[in-house]
Every structure is written in structure tokens, then in C-alpha cells.
Amino acid sequence: MYKVQRIFNYWATILLQLAYAYLGYKINLEYKYNDRLEFLIGILVTTILMNILDNIFCEIAYRTTGFLSRSCGYNSSDRKMVHWFIRVILYIVVYVISITPLCSIILTPVVQYFTREFIEWFNKSTTDFSNTLLDSVTNSN
């Protein structure tokens, strides 16, 4: 029984990550980015933010479930059902907020910041790599 629960939790986590990536895709479709790289970084940033929110929601659901378990005397299967129910409700709330204009006020500047940082890091890395390669070729001659 324990092995089945571990397998279920594993696949539930994978499906949740895919749902977050899809939500990031859906949110980022609304904005006009300059290129595909910025769009992909937007999806990645949104997915990471959703994972952070999910950890917070998981803690809220865990504490709420514990409180309800002590107050109402739920057994373990009832606690798990309540825990997932609370997480789904919180996920729906985030999804509804994500399609409102408030999300564009928060998400767009964050995505643009991380996009700039990533592109600067990528350009610096490629320049450093090219210089190292060029130095090794010139030193060998």
C-alpha cells in the first residue's frame, strides 16, 4: 500500500509541474515578448513562481488539515482528501488571479528582469568561452 501511495505522489507531482508549465505558457501567451527566448524564460519564471506558491499552499493545507483533524477527528484518508482539496482550491484561486490584469502588473516586470539577467549571463558565458578557446589556440602555436 505504501508503494502505491509513493507512486501516486510521484505522478501527482509530475502532473502538477506540467500544469504549472501549461499555466505559465497560457499566462505568457497574453504578452508581446521580443523573441522566443524571452517567451521561454517567461514560462520558466512563471513555473518557478508557481512552485514557490505551491510550497506555501502545501504548508497552509498541511496546517489547516492538522487543525481540522484535531477539531473534527478525521482519519488519515480523510486528511489526505482534505489536504488535496485545499491545494486544488488554492490552485484555482491562483489561476483566476493569473488571468486578471493584476497578473500582468506583477509578472511582466519580473519576467523582463530575469530575461535581461539571463541574456547578460549567456552573452558573458559565450564571450568567456570564446576567449578561453582563442587563448588556448594561440598558446598552443
N, C-alpha and C. Protein backbone atom coordinates (compact mmCIF):
# COMPACT_ATOMS: atom_id res chain seq x y z
N MET A 1 0.82 -1.19 0.00
CA MET A 1 0.00 0.00 0.00
C MET A 1 0.87 1.26 0.00
N TYR A 2 1.95 1.22 0.79
CA TYR A 2 2.84 2.39 0.86
C TYR A 2 3.49 2.67 -0.49
N LYS A 3 3.86 1.60 -1.22
CA LYS A 3 4.48 1.76 -2.52
C LYS A 3 3.51 2.41 -3.52
N VAL A 4 2.25 2.04 -3.46
CA VAL A 4 1.24 2.62 -4.34
C VAL A 4 1.08 4.11 -4.04
N GLN A 5 1.10 4.48 -2.76
CA GLN A 5 0.99 5.89 -2.39
C GLN A 5 2.19 6.68 -2.90
N ARG A 6 3.39 6.10 -2.81
CA ARG A 6 4.58 6.78 -3.31
C ARG A 6 4.50 6.98 -4.82
N ILE A 7 4.04 5.96 -5.54
CA ILE A 7 3.89 6.08 -6.99
C ILE A 7 2.85 7.14 -7.33
N PHE A 8 1.73 7.15 -6.61
CA PHE A 8 0.70 8.15 -6.85
C PHE A 8 1.24 9.56 -6.58
N ASN A 9 1.95 9.74 -5.47
CA ASN A 9 2.50 11.06 -5.16
C ASN A 9 3.52 11.50 -6.21
N TYR A 10 4.31 10.55 -6.71
CA TYR A 10 5.29 10.86 -7.74
C TYR A 10 4.60 11.38 -9.00
N TRP A 11 3.59 10.66 -9.48
CA TRP A 11 2.89 11.07 -10.69
C TRP A 11 2.05 12.32 -10.47
N ALA A 12 1.49 12.47 -9.28
CA ALA A 12 0.74 13.69 -8.98
C ALA A 12 1.66 14.90 -9.02
N THR A 13 2.88 14.76 -8.53
CA THR A 13 3.85 15.85 -8.57
C THR A 13 4.24 16.18 -10.01
N ILE A 14 4.45 15.16 -10.82
CA ILE A 14 4.79 15.40 -12.23
C ILE A 14 3.64 16.11 -12.94
N LEU A 15 2.42 15.66 -12.71
CA LEU A 15 1.26 16.31 -13.34
C LEU A 15 1.11 17.75 -12.87
N LEU A 16 1.40 18.00 -11.60
CA LEU A 16 1.32 19.35 -11.08
C LEU A 16 2.36 20.25 -11.75
N GLN A 17 3.57 19.73 -11.96
CA GLN A 17 4.61 20.50 -12.65
C GLN A 17 4.19 20.81 -14.08
N LEU A 18 3.59 19.84 -14.75
CA LEU A 18 3.11 20.07 -16.12
C LEU A 18 1.98 21.10 -16.13
N ALA A 19 1.13 21.05 -15.12
CA ALA A 19 0.05 22.04 -15.01
C ALA A 19 0.63 23.43 -14.81
N TYR A 20 1.67 23.54 -13.99
CA TYR A 20 2.32 24.84 -13.78
C TYR A 20 2.97 25.34 -15.07
N ALA A 21 3.62 24.45 -15.81
CA ALA A 21 4.24 24.86 -17.07
C ALA A 21 3.18 25.30 -18.07
N TYR A 22 2.06 24.58 -18.12
CA TYR A 22 0.97 24.98 -19.02
C TYR A 22 0.39 26.32 -18.60
N LEU A 23 0.23 26.52 -17.29
CA LEU A 23 -0.28 27.80 -16.80
C LEU A 23 0.69 28.92 -17.16
N GLY A 24 1.99 28.66 -17.03
CA GLY A 24 2.98 29.65 -17.43
C GLY A 24 2.89 29.96 -18.92
N TYR A 25 2.69 28.92 -19.72
CA TYR A 25 2.52 29.10 -21.17
C TYR A 25 1.29 29.95 -21.46
N LYS A 26 0.18 29.63 -20.81
CA LYS A 26 -1.07 30.35 -21.04
C LYS A 26 -0.96 31.81 -20.61
N ILE A 27 -0.34 32.05 -19.45
CA ILE A 27 -0.17 33.42 -18.97
C ILE A 27 0.72 34.21 -19.92
N ASN A 28 1.82 33.60 -20.34
CA ASN A 28 2.79 34.32 -21.16
C ASN A 28 2.36 34.51 -22.60
N LEU A 29 1.34 33.78 -23.05
CA LEU A 29 0.82 34.00 -24.40
C LEU A 29 0.19 35.37 -24.54
N GLU A 30 -0.30 35.93 -23.43
CA GLU A 30 -1.00 37.21 -23.48
C GLU A 30 -0.07 38.38 -23.73
N TYR A 31 1.22 38.23 -23.45
CA TYR A 31 2.15 39.34 -23.54
C TYR A 31 2.94 39.27 -24.84
N LYS A 32 3.34 40.42 -25.30
CA LYS A 32 4.12 40.50 -26.53
C LYS A 32 5.60 40.58 -26.17
N TYR A 33 6.28 39.46 -26.26
CA TYR A 33 7.71 39.42 -25.99
C TYR A 33 8.47 39.65 -27.28
N ASN A 34 9.73 40.04 -27.14
CA ASN A 34 10.55 40.36 -28.32
C ASN A 34 10.94 39.12 -29.12
N ASP A 35 11.21 38.02 -28.45
CA ASP A 35 11.64 36.82 -29.17
C ASP A 35 11.24 35.58 -28.38
N ARG A 36 11.57 34.42 -28.95
CA ARG A 36 11.18 33.15 -28.33
C ARG A 36 11.92 32.89 -27.03
N LEU A 37 13.17 33.33 -26.96
CA LEU A 37 13.95 33.13 -25.74
C LEU A 37 13.28 33.81 -24.55
N GLU A 38 12.85 35.04 -24.76
CA GLU A 38 12.16 35.76 -23.69
C GLU A 38 10.86 35.06 -23.31
N PHE A 39 10.16 34.54 -24.29
CA PHE A 39 8.92 33.81 -24.03
C PHE A 39 9.19 32.55 -23.21
N LEU A 40 10.24 31.79 -23.57
CA LEU A 40 10.58 30.57 -22.83
C LEU A 40 11.03 30.89 -21.41
N ILE A 41 11.79 31.97 -21.25
CA ILE A 41 12.19 32.38 -19.90
C ILE A 41 10.97 32.79 -19.10
N GLY A 42 10.00 33.43 -19.74
CA GLY A 42 8.75 33.79 -19.06
C GLY A 42 8.02 32.56 -18.55
N ILE A 43 7.98 31.51 -19.36
CA ILE A 43 7.34 30.27 -18.92
C ILE A 43 8.11 29.67 -17.74
N LEU A 44 9.44 29.67 -17.83
CA LEU A 44 10.27 29.13 -16.75
C LEU A 44 10.09 29.91 -15.45
N VAL A 45 10.10 31.24 -15.54
CA VAL A 45 9.92 32.08 -14.35
C VAL A 45 8.54 31.85 -13.74
N THR A 46 7.53 31.78 -14.57
CA THR A 46 6.18 31.53 -14.07
C THR A 46 6.09 30.18 -13.38
N THR A 47 6.71 29.17 -13.96
CA THR A 47 6.70 27.83 -13.36
C THR A 47 7.40 27.84 -12.01
N ILE A 48 8.53 28.53 -11.91
CA ILE A 48 9.25 28.61 -10.63
C ILE A 48 8.41 29.35 -9.60
N LEU A 49 7.78 30.46 -10.00
CA LEU A 49 6.92 31.19 -9.07
C LEU A 49 5.75 30.33 -8.60
N MET A 50 5.18 29.55 -9.51
CA MET A 50 4.08 28.67 -9.12
C MET A 50 4.55 27.58 -8.16
N ASN A 51 5.77 27.09 -8.34
CA ASN A 51 6.31 26.11 -7.40
C ASN A 51 6.51 26.71 -6.02
N ILE A 52 6.97 27.95 -5.96
CA ILE A 52 7.12 28.62 -4.67
C ILE A 52 5.75 28.78 -4.02
N LEU A 53 4.76 29.23 -4.80
CA LEU A 53 3.41 29.36 -4.26
C LEU A 53 2.85 28.01 -3.83
N ASP A 54 3.15 26.96 -4.59
CA ASP A 54 2.66 25.63 -4.23
C ASP A 54 3.24 25.17 -2.90
N ASN A 55 4.52 25.47 -2.66
CA ASN A 55 5.11 25.12 -1.36
C ASN A 55 4.41 25.86 -0.23
N ILE A 56 4.10 27.12 -0.46
CA ILE A 56 3.37 27.89 0.55
C ILE A 56 1.97 27.30 0.74
N PHE A 57 1.30 26.98 -0.37
CA PHE A 57 -0.04 26.40 -0.29
C PHE A 57 -0.02 25.05 0.40
N CYS A 58 1.01 24.28 0.12
CA CYS A 58 1.13 22.96 0.74
C CYS A 58 1.24 23.10 2.26
N GLU A 59 2.02 24.08 2.70
CA GLU A 59 2.16 24.32 4.14
C GLU A 59 0.83 24.78 4.75
N ILE A 60 0.13 25.67 4.04
CA ILE A 60 -1.19 26.13 4.52
C ILE A 60 -2.15 24.95 4.60
N ALA A 61 -2.17 24.14 3.55
CA ALA A 61 -3.07 22.97 3.53
C ALA A 61 -2.70 21.99 4.63
N TYR A 62 -1.41 21.80 4.87
CA TYR A 62 -0.95 20.87 5.91
C TYR A 62 -1.40 21.35 7.29
N ARG A 63 -1.22 22.64 7.56
CA ARG A 63 -1.62 23.17 8.86
C ARG A 63 -3.14 23.17 9.03
N THR A 64 -3.86 23.52 7.96
CA THR A 64 -5.32 23.51 8.02
C THR A 64 -5.85 22.10 8.22
N THR A 65 -5.26 21.15 7.52
CA THR A 65 -5.68 19.76 7.66
C THR A 65 -5.41 19.25 9.06
N GLY A 66 -4.26 19.61 9.63
CA GLY A 66 -3.95 19.22 11.01
C GLY A 66 -4.93 19.81 11.99
N PHE A 67 -5.29 21.07 11.78
CA PHE A 67 -6.27 21.72 12.66
C PHE A 67 -7.62 21.03 12.55
N LEU A 68 -8.06 20.75 11.31
CA LEU A 68 -9.35 20.09 11.13
C LEU A 68 -9.32 18.67 11.67
N SER A 69 -8.18 18.01 11.56
CA SER A 69 -8.06 16.65 12.08
C SER A 69 -8.22 16.63 13.59
N ARG A 70 -7.58 17.60 14.26
CA ARG A 70 -7.71 17.66 15.72
C ARG A 70 -9.11 18.07 16.13
N SER A 71 -9.71 19.00 15.38
CA SER A 71 -11.03 19.50 15.76
C SER A 71 -12.14 18.52 15.43
N CYS A 72 -12.08 17.91 14.25
CA CYS A 72 -13.17 17.06 13.77
C CYS A 72 -12.88 15.57 13.88
N GLY A 73 -11.66 15.20 14.20
CA GLY A 73 -11.33 13.78 14.35
C GLY A 73 -11.25 13.02 13.05
N TYR A 74 -10.68 13.65 12.01
CA TYR A 74 -10.52 12.96 10.73
C TYR A 74 -9.48 11.86 10.84
N ASN A 75 -9.67 10.79 10.06
CA ASN A 75 -8.63 9.76 9.98
C ASN A 75 -7.67 10.12 8.85
N SER A 76 -6.69 9.25 8.58
CA SER A 76 -5.63 9.61 7.63
C SER A 76 -6.14 9.77 6.20
N SER A 77 -7.08 8.94 5.77
CA SER A 77 -7.57 9.09 4.39
C SER A 77 -8.39 10.37 4.24
N ASP A 78 -9.14 10.73 5.28
CA ASP A 78 -9.88 11.99 5.23
C ASP A 78 -8.92 13.18 5.20
N ARG A 79 -7.84 13.09 5.96
CA ARG A 79 -6.85 14.18 5.98
C ARG A 79 -6.24 14.37 4.60
N LYS A 80 -5.90 13.28 3.94
CA LYS A 80 -5.31 13.40 2.60
C LYS A 80 -6.29 14.02 1.61
N MET A 81 -7.55 13.62 1.71
CA MET A 81 -8.56 14.18 0.82
C MET A 81 -8.71 15.69 1.07
N VAL A 82 -8.78 16.08 2.34
CA VAL A 82 -8.91 17.50 2.68
C VAL A 82 -7.67 18.27 2.22
N HIS A 83 -6.49 17.68 2.41
CA HIS A 83 -5.24 18.33 2.01
C HIS A 83 -5.24 18.62 0.50
N TRP A 84 -5.57 17.62 -0.32
CA TRP A 84 -5.57 17.83 -1.76
C TRP A 84 -6.70 18.76 -2.20
N PHE A 85 -7.82 18.70 -1.51
CA PHE A 85 -8.94 19.60 -1.82
C PHE A 85 -8.53 21.05 -1.59
N ILE A 86 -7.86 21.32 -0.47
CA ILE A 86 -7.41 22.68 -0.18
C ILE A 86 -6.39 23.13 -1.21
N ARG A 87 -5.47 22.25 -1.58
CA ARG A 87 -4.47 22.62 -2.59
C ARG A 87 -5.11 22.92 -3.94
N VAL A 88 -6.11 22.16 -4.32
CA VAL A 88 -6.80 22.41 -5.60
C VAL A 88 -7.53 23.75 -5.55
N ILE A 89 -8.17 24.05 -4.44
CA ILE A 89 -8.87 25.34 -4.31
C ILE A 89 -7.87 26.49 -4.43
N LEU A 90 -6.73 26.39 -3.75
CA LEU A 90 -5.73 27.44 -3.84
C LEU A 90 -5.17 27.56 -5.25
N TYR A 91 -5.00 26.43 -5.93
CA TYR A 91 -4.52 26.46 -7.31
C TYR A 91 -5.53 27.17 -8.22
N ILE A 92 -6.81 26.91 -8.02
CA ILE A 92 -7.84 27.56 -8.83
C ILE A 92 -7.85 29.07 -8.57
N VAL A 93 -7.66 29.46 -7.31
CA VAL A 93 -7.61 30.89 -6.98
C VAL A 93 -6.44 31.55 -7.72
N VAL A 94 -5.27 30.91 -7.70
CA VAL A 94 -4.11 31.46 -8.41
C VAL A 94 -4.38 31.53 -9.91
N TYR A 95 -5.03 30.52 -10.46
CA TYR A 95 -5.33 30.53 -11.89
C TYR A 95 -6.27 31.69 -12.24
N VAL A 96 -7.28 31.91 -11.42
CA VAL A 96 -8.22 33.00 -11.68
C VAL A 96 -7.49 34.35 -11.59
N ILE A 97 -6.62 34.50 -10.59
CA ILE A 97 -5.86 35.74 -10.47
C ILE A 97 -4.92 35.91 -11.66
N SER A 98 -4.39 34.81 -12.16
CA SER A 98 -3.41 34.90 -13.25
C SER A 98 -4.01 35.40 -14.56
N ILE A 99 -5.30 35.29 -14.73
CA ILE A 99 -5.90 35.77 -15.98
C ILE A 99 -6.47 37.18 -15.83
N THR A 100 -6.23 37.81 -14.69
CA THR A 100 -6.68 39.19 -14.48
C THR A 100 -5.54 40.15 -14.83
N PRO A 101 -5.85 41.43 -15.01
CA PRO A 101 -4.79 42.41 -15.30
C PRO A 101 -3.76 42.56 -14.18
N LEU A 102 -4.12 42.21 -12.95
CA LEU A 102 -3.17 42.30 -11.84
C LEU A 102 -1.94 41.45 -12.09
N CYS A 103 -2.13 40.33 -12.73
CA CYS A 103 -1.01 39.43 -13.01
C CYS A 103 -0.01 40.09 -13.95
N SER A 104 -0.50 40.84 -14.93
CA SER A 104 0.42 41.48 -15.87
C SER A 104 1.24 42.57 -15.19
N ILE A 105 0.69 43.17 -14.16
CA ILE A 105 1.43 44.20 -13.42
C ILE A 105 2.58 43.56 -12.64
N ILE A 106 2.36 42.36 -12.13
CA ILE A 106 3.38 41.68 -11.33
C ILE A 106 4.30 40.85 -12.22
N LEU A 107 3.74 40.09 -13.13
CA LEU A 107 4.52 39.10 -13.88
C LEU A 107 5.45 39.71 -14.91
N THR A 108 4.99 40.67 -15.67
CA THR A 108 5.79 41.21 -16.76
C THR A 108 7.12 41.81 -16.28
N PRO A 109 7.14 42.67 -15.25
CA PRO A 109 8.44 43.18 -14.80
C PRO A 109 9.38 42.09 -14.28
N VAL A 110 8.85 41.10 -13.59
CA VAL A 110 9.69 40.01 -13.08
C VAL A 110 10.28 39.22 -14.24
N VAL A 111 9.46 38.90 -15.22
CA VAL A 111 9.94 38.15 -16.38
C VAL A 111 10.98 38.96 -17.15
N GLN A 112 10.73 40.25 -17.34
CA GLN A 112 11.68 41.07 -18.07
C GLN A 112 13.01 41.18 -17.32
N TYR A 113 12.97 41.28 -15.99
CA TYR A 113 14.19 41.34 -15.19
C TYR A 113 15.01 40.06 -15.37
N PHE A 114 14.36 38.91 -15.18
CA PHE A 114 15.08 37.65 -15.31
C PHE A 114 15.55 37.40 -16.74
N THR A 115 14.79 37.88 -17.70
CA THR A 115 15.21 37.73 -19.10
C THR A 115 16.49 38.51 -19.35
N ARG A 116 16.53 39.77 -18.89
CA ARG A 116 17.75 40.57 -19.06
C ARG A 116 18.94 39.92 -18.37
N GLU A 117 18.72 39.45 -17.13
CA GLU A 117 19.82 38.81 -16.39
C GLU A 117 20.31 37.55 -17.11
N PHE A 118 19.39 36.75 -17.60
CA PHE A 118 19.78 35.52 -18.30
C PHE A 118 20.55 35.82 -19.57
N ILE A 119 20.07 36.78 -20.35
CA ILE A 119 20.74 37.12 -21.60
C ILE A 119 22.13 37.68 -21.34
N GLU A 120 22.26 38.53 -20.29
CA GLU A 120 23.59 39.05 -19.94
C GLU A 120 24.52 37.91 -19.52
N TRP A 121 24.01 36.99 -18.71
CA TRP A 121 24.81 35.85 -18.27
C TRP A 121 25.22 34.99 -19.47
N PHE A 122 24.28 34.74 -20.37
CA PHE A 122 24.56 33.91 -21.55
C PHE A 122 25.61 34.57 -22.43
N ASN A 123 25.45 35.87 -22.68
CA ASN A 123 26.43 36.58 -23.51
C ASN A 123 27.81 36.57 -22.87
N LYS A 124 27.86 36.78 -21.56
CA LYS A 124 29.14 36.77 -20.84
C LYS A 124 29.77 35.38 -20.90
N SER A 125 28.95 34.35 -20.73
CA SER A 125 29.47 32.98 -20.77
C SER A 125 30.03 32.64 -22.14
N THR A 126 29.31 33.00 -23.19
CA THR A 126 29.80 32.69 -24.53
C THR A 126 31.06 33.48 -24.85
N THR A 127 31.13 34.74 -24.40
CA THR A 127 32.33 35.54 -24.61
C THR A 127 33.52 34.94 -23.87
N ASP A 128 33.31 34.58 -22.60
CA ASP A 128 34.39 33.96 -21.82
C ASP A 128 34.85 32.65 -22.45
N PHE A 129 33.91 31.85 -22.90
CA PHE A 129 34.25 30.58 -23.53
C PHE A 129 35.04 30.82 -24.82
N SER A 130 34.59 31.77 -25.61
CA SER A 130 35.30 32.08 -26.87
C SER A 130 36.71 32.58 -26.59
N ASN A 131 36.85 33.45 -25.58
CA ASN A 131 38.18 33.96 -25.24
C ASN A 131 39.09 32.85 -24.74
N THR A 132 38.55 31.95 -23.93
CA THR A 132 39.34 30.83 -23.43
C THR A 132 39.78 29.93 -24.57
N LEU A 133 38.87 29.67 -25.47
CA LEU A 133 39.20 28.84 -26.63
C LEU A 133 40.25 29.51 -27.51
N LEU A 134 40.09 30.80 -27.73
CA LEU A 134 41.05 31.55 -28.54
C LEU A 134 42.42 31.58 -27.88
N ASP A 135 42.45 31.78 -26.56
CA ASP A 135 43.72 31.78 -25.82
C ASP A 135 44.41 30.43 -25.90
N SER A 136 43.64 29.36 -25.78
CA SER A 136 44.26 28.03 -25.84
C SER A 136 44.81 27.73 -27.22
N VAL A 137 44.15 28.22 -28.26
CA VAL A 137 44.63 28.01 -29.62
C VAL A 137 45.90 28.82 -29.86
N THR A 138 45.92 30.08 -29.40
CA THR A 138 47.10 30.93 -29.61
C THR A 138 48.28 30.46 -28.75
N ASN A 139 48.03 29.95 -27.58
CA ASN A 139 49.12 29.48 -26.72
C ASN A 139 49.72 28.18 -27.24
N SER A 140 48.93 27.39 -27.91
CA SER A 140 49.46 26.12 -28.43
C SER A 140 50.35 26.33 -29.65
N ASN A 141 50.19 27.48 -30.32
CA ASN A 141 51.02 27.76 -31.50
C ASN A 141 52.26 28.40 -31.06
